[in-house]
């Protein structure tokens, strides 16, 4: 399975700050909970990667 493999799995994604000054990405699905904590700089890097991927996806979907 890779990033291009489609799966019919329902999930929940939550993103927010923690009381410890971290940014948490919380993924839940299929009975599994995955909390991932990042410092603010790492979170900004992730946000930039998501924005870049969205821009690339727009060019792919417009063809």
PDB file of N, CA and C in Angstrom:
ATOM      1  N   UNK A   1       0.854  -1.166   0.000  1.00  0.00           N
ATOM      2  CA  UNK A   1       0.000   0.000   0.000  1.00  0.00           C
ATOM      3  C   UNK A   1       0.904   1.235   0.000  1.00  0.00           C
ATOM      4  N   UNK A   2       0.541   2.203  -0.807  1.00  0.00           N
ATOM      5  CA  UNK A   2       1.289   3.448  -0.879  1.00  0.00           C
ATOM      6  C   UNK A   2       0.358   4.643  -0.845  1.00  0.00           C
ATOM      7  N   UNK A   3       0.906   5.797  -1.067  1.00  0.00           N
ATOM      8  CA  UNK A   3       0.121   7.028  -0.984  1.00  0.00           C
ATOM      9  C   UNK A   3      -0.939   7.098  -2.085  1.00  0.00           C
ATOM     10  N   UNK A   4      -0.719   6.404  -3.187  1.00  0.00           N
ATOM     11  CA  UNK A   4      -1.692   6.424  -4.281  1.00  0.00           C
ATOM     12  C   UNK A   4      -2.692   5.281  -4.240  1.00  0.00           C
ATOM     13  N   UNK A   5      -2.602   4.429  -3.240  1.00  0.00           N
ATOM     14  CA  UNK A   5      -3.531   3.314  -3.105  1.00  0.00           C
ATOM     15  C   UNK A   5      -4.795   3.777  -2.391  1.00  0.00           C
ATOM     16  N   UNK A   6      -5.925   3.689  -3.083  1.00  0.00           N
ATOM     17  CA  UNK A   6      -7.192   4.105  -2.473  1.00  0.00           C
ATOM     18  C   UNK A   6      -7.691   3.034  -1.520  1.00  0.00           C
ATOM     19  N   UNK A   7      -8.248   3.471  -0.398  1.00  0.00           N
ATOM     20  CA  UNK A   7      -8.816   2.566   0.592  1.00  0.00           C
ATOM     21  C   UNK A   7     -10.166   3.118   1.021  1.00  0.00           C
ATOM     22  N   UNK A   8     -11.083   2.243   1.321  1.00  0.00           N
ATOM     23  CA  UNK A   8     -12.404   2.662   1.777  1.00  0.00           C
ATOM     24  C   UNK A   8     -12.452   2.555   3.306  1.00  0.00           C
ATOM     25  N   UNK A   9     -11.697   3.444   3.967  1.00  0.00           N
ATOM     26  CA  UNK A   9     -11.628   3.448   5.428  1.00  0.00           C
ATOM     27  C   UNK A   9     -12.076   4.815   5.914  1.00  0.00           C
ATOM     28  N   UNK A  10     -12.985   4.804   6.851  1.00  0.00           N
ATOM     29  CA  UNK A  10     -13.449   6.050   7.440  1.00  0.00           C
ATOM     30  C   UNK A  10     -12.534   6.428   8.587  1.00  0.00           C
ATOM     31  N   UNK A  11     -12.229   7.704   8.710  1.00  0.00           N
ATOM     32  CA  UNK A  11     -11.348   8.144   9.779  1.00  0.00           C
ATOM     33  C   UNK A  11     -11.673   9.559  10.219  1.00  0.00           C
ATOM     34  N   UNK A  12     -11.031   9.956  11.279  1.00  0.00           N
ATOM     35  CA  UNK A  12     -11.222  11.284  11.839  1.00  0.00           C
ATOM     36  C   UNK A  12      -9.843  11.906  12.027  1.00  0.00           C
ATOM     37  N   UNK A  13      -9.719  13.174  11.676  1.00  0.00           N
ATOM     38  CA  UNK A  13      -8.468  13.906  11.829  1.00  0.00           C
ATOM     39  C   UNK A  13      -8.743  15.162  12.629  1.00  0.00           C
ATOM     40  N   UNK A  14      -7.983  15.353  13.685  1.00  0.00           N
ATOM     41  CA  UNK A  14      -8.090  16.569  14.492  1.00  0.00           C
ATOM     42  C   UNK A  14      -6.706  17.186  14.616  1.00  0.00           C
ATOM     43  N   UNK A  15      -6.640  18.511  14.577  1.00  0.00           N
ATOM     44  CA  UNK A  15      -5.378  19.223  14.710  1.00  0.00           C
ATOM     45  C   UNK A  15      -5.593  20.370  15.687  1.00  0.00           C
ATOM     46  N   UNK A  16      -4.692  20.492  16.647  1.00  0.00           N
ATOM     47  CA  UNK A  16      -4.825  21.583  17.606  1.00  0.00           C
ATOM     48  C   UNK A  16      -3.635  21.666  18.537  1.00  0.00           C
ATOM     49  N   UNK A  17      -3.578  22.746  19.320  1.00  0.00           N
ATOM     50  CA  UNK A  17      -2.478  22.920  20.271  1.00  0.00           C
ATOM     51  C   UNK A  17      -2.707  22.088  21.528  1.00  0.00           C
ATOM     52  N   UNK A  18      -1.605  21.687  22.160  1.00  0.00           N
ATOM     53  CA  UNK A  18      -1.698  20.972  23.429  1.00  0.00           C
ATOM     54  C   UNK A  18      -1.345  21.934  24.562  1.00  0.00           C
ATOM     55  N   UNK A  19      -1.616  21.519  25.777  1.00  0.00           N
ATOM     56  CA  UNK A  19      -1.271  22.339  26.948  1.00  0.00           C
ATOM     57  C   UNK A  19       0.239  22.348  27.198  1.00  0.00           C
ATOM     58  N   UNK A  20       0.979  21.540  26.445  1.00  0.00           N
ATOM     59  CA  UNK A  20       2.434  21.465  26.573  1.00  0.00           C
ATOM     60  C   UNK A  20       3.151  22.341  25.542  1.00  0.00           C
ATOM     61  N   UNK A  21       2.393  23.130  24.755  1.00  0.00           N
ATOM     62  CA  UNK A  21       2.994  23.998  23.747  1.00  0.00           C
ATOM     63  C   UNK A  21       3.351  23.284  22.455  1.00  0.00           C
ATOM     64  N   UNK A  22       2.758  22.138  22.228  1.00  0.00           N
ATOM     65  CA  UNK A  22       2.994  21.377  21.008  1.00  0.00           C
ATOM     66  C   UNK A  22       1.750  21.465  20.122  1.00  0.00           C
ATOM     67  N   UNK A  23       1.912  21.059  18.872  1.00  0.00           N
ATOM     68  CA  UNK A  23       0.776  20.942  17.963  1.00  0.00           C
ATOM     69  C   UNK A  23       0.518  19.457  17.791  1.00  0.00           C
ATOM     70  N   UNK A  24      -0.705  19.038  18.050  1.00  0.00           N
ATOM     71  CA  UNK A  24      -1.045  17.617  17.945  1.00  0.00           C
ATOM     72  C   UNK A  24      -1.892  17.373  16.710  1.00  0.00           C
ATOM     73  N   UNK A  25      -1.471  16.379  15.929  1.00  0.00           N
ATOM     74  CA  UNK A  25      -2.291  15.827  14.853  1.00  0.00           C
ATOM     75  C   UNK A  25      -2.781  14.499  15.391  1.00  0.00           C
ATOM     76  N   UNK A  26      -4.086  14.362  15.496  1.00  0.00           N
ATOM     77  CA  UNK A  26      -4.696  13.179  16.084  1.00  0.00           C
ATOM     78  C   UNK A  26      -5.501  12.473  15.010  1.00  0.00           C
ATOM     79  N   UNK A  27      -5.099  11.247  14.695  1.00  0.00           N
ATOM     80  CA  UNK A  27      -5.768  10.455  13.661  1.00  0.00           C
ATOM     81  C   UNK A  27      -6.460   9.287  14.345  1.00  0.00           C
ATOM     82  N   UNK A  28      -7.725   9.075  13.990  1.00  0.00           N
ATOM     83  CA  UNK A  28      -8.497   7.981  14.567  1.00  0.00           C
ATOM     84  C   UNK A  28      -9.243   7.276  13.443  1.00  0.00           C
ATOM     85  N   UNK A  29      -9.179   5.961  13.444  1.00  0.00           N
ATOM     86  CA  UNK A  29      -9.909   5.199  12.445  1.00  0.00           C
ATOM     87  C   UNK A  29      -9.674   3.717  12.610  1.00  0.00           C
ATOM     88  N   UNK A  30     -10.676   2.946  12.340  1.00  0.00           N
ATOM     89  CA  UNK A  30     -10.567   1.497  12.426  1.00  0.00           C
ATOM     90  C   UNK A  30     -10.189   1.007  13.811  1.00  0.00           C
ATOM     91  N   UNK A  31     -10.620   1.710  14.834  1.00  0.00           N
ATOM     92  CA  UNK A  31     -10.316   1.312  16.204  1.00  0.00           C
ATOM     93  C   UNK A  31      -8.920   1.680  16.667  1.00  0.00           C
ATOM     94  N   UNK A  32      -8.207   2.461  15.864  1.00  0.00           N
ATOM     95  CA  UNK A  32      -6.846   2.867  16.195  1.00  0.00           C
ATOM     96  C   UNK A  32      -6.812   4.377  16.404  1.00  0.00           C
ATOM     97  N   UNK A  33      -6.107   4.827  17.444  1.00  0.00           N
ATOM     98  CA  UNK A  33      -5.897   6.255  17.693  1.00  0.00           C
ATOM     99  C   UNK A  33      -4.407   6.543  17.623  1.00  0.00           C
ATOM    100  N   UNK A  34      -4.025   7.547  16.824  1.00  0.00           N
ATOM    101  CA  UNK A  34      -2.624   7.896  16.680  1.00  0.00           C
ATOM    102  C   UNK A  34      -2.444   9.385  16.988  1.00  0.00           C
ATOM    103  N   UNK A  35      -1.936   9.716  18.170  1.00  0.00           N
ATOM    104  CA  UNK A  35      -1.618  11.103  18.483  1.00  0.00           C
ATOM    105  C   UNK A  35      -0.161  11.399  18.092  1.00  0.00           C
ATOM    106  N   UNK A  36       0.053  12.453  17.322  1.00  0.00           N
ATOM    107  CA  UNK A  36       1.398  12.836  16.906  1.00  0.00           C
ATOM    108  C   UNK A  36       1.628  14.276  17.324  1.00  0.00           C
ATOM    109  N   UNK A  37       2.645  14.513  18.155  1.00  0.00           N
ATOM    110  CA  UNK A  37       2.948  15.847  18.648  1.00  0.00           C
ATOM    111  C   UNK A  37       4.170  16.413  17.939  1.00  0.00           C
ATOM    112  N   UNK A  38       4.081  17.700  17.578  1.00  0.00           N
ATOM    113  CA  UNK A  38       5.154  18.384  16.870  1.00  0.00           C
ATOM    114  C   UNK A  38       5.391  19.740  17.518  1.00  0.00           C
ATOM    115  N   UNK A  39       6.647  20.177  17.517  1.00  0.00           N
ATOM    116  CA  UNK A  39       6.877  21.532  18.007  1.00  0.00           C
ATOM    117  C   UNK A  39       6.370  22.497  16.930  1.00  0.00           C
ATOM    118  N   UNK A  40       6.155  23.760  17.275  1.00  0.00           N
ATOM    119  CA  UNK A  40       5.560  24.701  16.311  1.00  0.00           C
ATOM    120  C   UNK A  40       6.314  24.797  14.988  1.00  0.00           C
ATOM    121  N   UNK A  41       7.650  24.754  15.015  1.00  0.00           N
ATOM    122  CA  UNK A  41       8.397  24.825  13.756  1.00  0.00           C
ATOM    123  C   UNK A  41       8.147  23.602  12.878  1.00  0.00           C
ATOM    124  N   UNK A  42       8.118  22.422  13.487  1.00  0.00           N
ATOM    125  CA  UNK A  42       7.801  21.208  12.727  1.00  0.00           C
ATOM    126  C   UNK A  42       6.395  21.286  12.153  1.00  0.00           C
ATOM    127  N   UNK A  43       5.457  21.811  12.934  1.00  0.00           N
ATOM    128  CA  UNK A  43       4.069  21.937  12.465  1.00  0.00           C
ATOM    129  C   UNK A  43       3.986  22.877  11.264  1.00  0.00           C
ATOM    130  N   UNK A  44       4.752  23.960  11.300  1.00  0.00           N
ATOM    131  CA  UNK A  44       4.770  24.882  10.147  1.00  0.00           C
ATOM    132  C   UNK A  44       5.326  24.181   8.911  1.00  0.00           C
ATOM    133  N   UNK A  45       6.381  23.385   9.094  1.00  0.00           N
ATOM    134  CA  UNK A  45       6.949  22.629   7.969  1.00  0.00           C
ATOM    135  C   UNK A  45       5.917  21.672   7.379  1.00  0.00           C
ATOM    136  N   UNK A  46       5.177  20.999   8.240  1.00  0.00           N
ATOM    137  CA  UNK A  46       4.133  20.085   7.780  1.00  0.00           C
ATOM    138  C   UNK A  46       3.055  20.852   7.017  1.00  0.00           C
ATOM    139  N   UNK A  47       2.662  22.018   7.547  1.00  0.00           N
ATOM    140  CA  UNK A  47       1.651  22.843   6.880  1.00  0.00           C
ATOM    141  C   UNK A  47       2.124  23.254   5.485  1.00  0.00           C
ATOM    142  N   UNK A  48       3.398  23.612   5.367  1.00  0.00           N
ATOM    143  CA  UNK A  48       3.945  23.987   4.056  1.00  0.00           C
ATOM    144  C   UNK A  48       3.926  22.799   3.094  1.00  0.00           C
ATOM    145  N   UNK A  49       4.225  21.605   3.607  1.00  0.00           N
ATOM    146  CA  UNK A  49       4.179  20.415   2.761  1.00  0.00           C
ATOM    147  C   UNK A  49       2.759  20.114   2.300  1.00  0.00           C
ATOM    148  N   UNK A  50       1.781  20.322   3.164  1.00  0.00           N
ATOM    149  CA  UNK A  50       0.377  20.099   2.794  1.00  0.00           C
ATOM    150  C   UNK A  50      -0.049  21.099   1.723  1.00  0.00           C
ATOM    151  N   UNK A  51       0.342  22.351   1.882  1.00  0.00           N
ATOM    152  CA  UNK A  51      -0.005  23.377   0.889  1.00  0.00           C
ATOM    153  C   UNK A  51       0.635  23.055  -0.458  1.00  0.00           C
ATOM    154  N   UNK A  52       1.914  22.644  -0.450  1.00  0.00           N
ATOM    155  CA  UNK A  52       2.597  22.283  -1.698  1.00  0.00           C
ATOM    156  C   UNK A  52       1.917  21.093  -2.365  1.00  0.00           C
ATOM    157  N   UNK A  53       1.521  20.096  -1.576  1.00  0.00           N
ATOM    158  CA  UNK A  53       0.833  18.929  -2.133  1.00  0.00           C
ATOM    159  C   UNK A  53      -0.515  19.326  -2.727  1.00  0.00           C
ATOM    160  N   UNK A  54      -1.222  20.239  -2.058  1.00  0.00           N
ATOM    161  CA  UNK A  54      -2.517  20.690  -2.569  1.00  0.00           C
ATOM    162  C   UNK A  54      -2.349  21.408  -3.910  1.00  0.00           C
ATOM    163  N   UNK A  55      -1.311  22.221  -4.022  1.00  0.00           N
ATOM    164  CA  UNK A  55      -1.061  22.917  -5.287  1.00  0.00           C
ATOM    165  C   UNK A  55      -0.738  21.928  -6.403  1.00  0.00           C
ATOM    166  N   UNK A  56       0.062  20.919  -6.079  1.00  0.00           N
ATOM    167  CA  UNK A  56       0.388  19.899  -7.074  1.00  0.00           C
ATOM    168  C   UNK A  56      -0.851  19.111  -7.468  1.00  0.00           C
ATOM    169  N   UNK A  57      -1.674  18.769  -6.484  1.00  0.00           N
ATOM    170  CA  UNK A  57      -2.908  18.015  -6.766  1.00  0.00           C
ATOM    171  C   UNK A  57      -3.835  18.815  -7.672  1.00  0.00           C
ATOM    172  N   UNK A  58      -3.882  20.123  -7.482  1.00  0.00           N
ATOM    173  CA  UNK A  58      -4.720  20.964  -8.356  1.00  0.00           C
ATOM    174  C   UNK A  58      -4.277  20.874  -9.802  1.00  0.00           C
ATOM    175  N   UNK A  59      -2.982  20.828 -10.039  1.00  0.00           N
ATOM    176  CA  UNK A  59      -2.505  20.746 -11.427  1.00  0.00           C
ATOM    177  C   UNK A  59      -2.806  19.388 -12.025  1.00  0.00           C
ATOM    178  N   UNK A  60      -2.752  18.336 -11.224  1.00  0.00           N
ATOM    179  CA  UNK A  60      -3.045  16.991 -11.705  1.00  0.00           C
ATOM    180  C   UNK A  60      -4.541  16.860 -12.033  1.00  0.00           C
ATOM    181  N   UNK A  61      -5.400  17.384 -11.140  1.00  0.00           N
ATOM    182  CA  UNK A  61      -6.840  17.230 -11.330  1.00  0.00           C
ATOM    183  C   UNK A  61      -7.386  18.125 -12.443  1.00  0.00           C
ATOM    184  N   UNK A  62      -6.633  19.148 -12.848  1.00  0.00           N
ATOM    185  CA  UNK A  62      -7.139  20.041 -13.907  1.00  0.00           C
ATOM    186  C   UNK A  62      -6.756  19.564 -15.298  1.00  0.00           C
ATOM    187  N   UNK A  63      -6.043  18.433 -15.379  1.00  0.00           N
ATOM    188  CA  UNK A  63      -5.627  17.917 -16.698  1.00  0.00           C
ATOM    189  C   UNK A  63      -6.684  17.017 -17.289  1.00  0.00           C
TER     190      UNK A  63
END
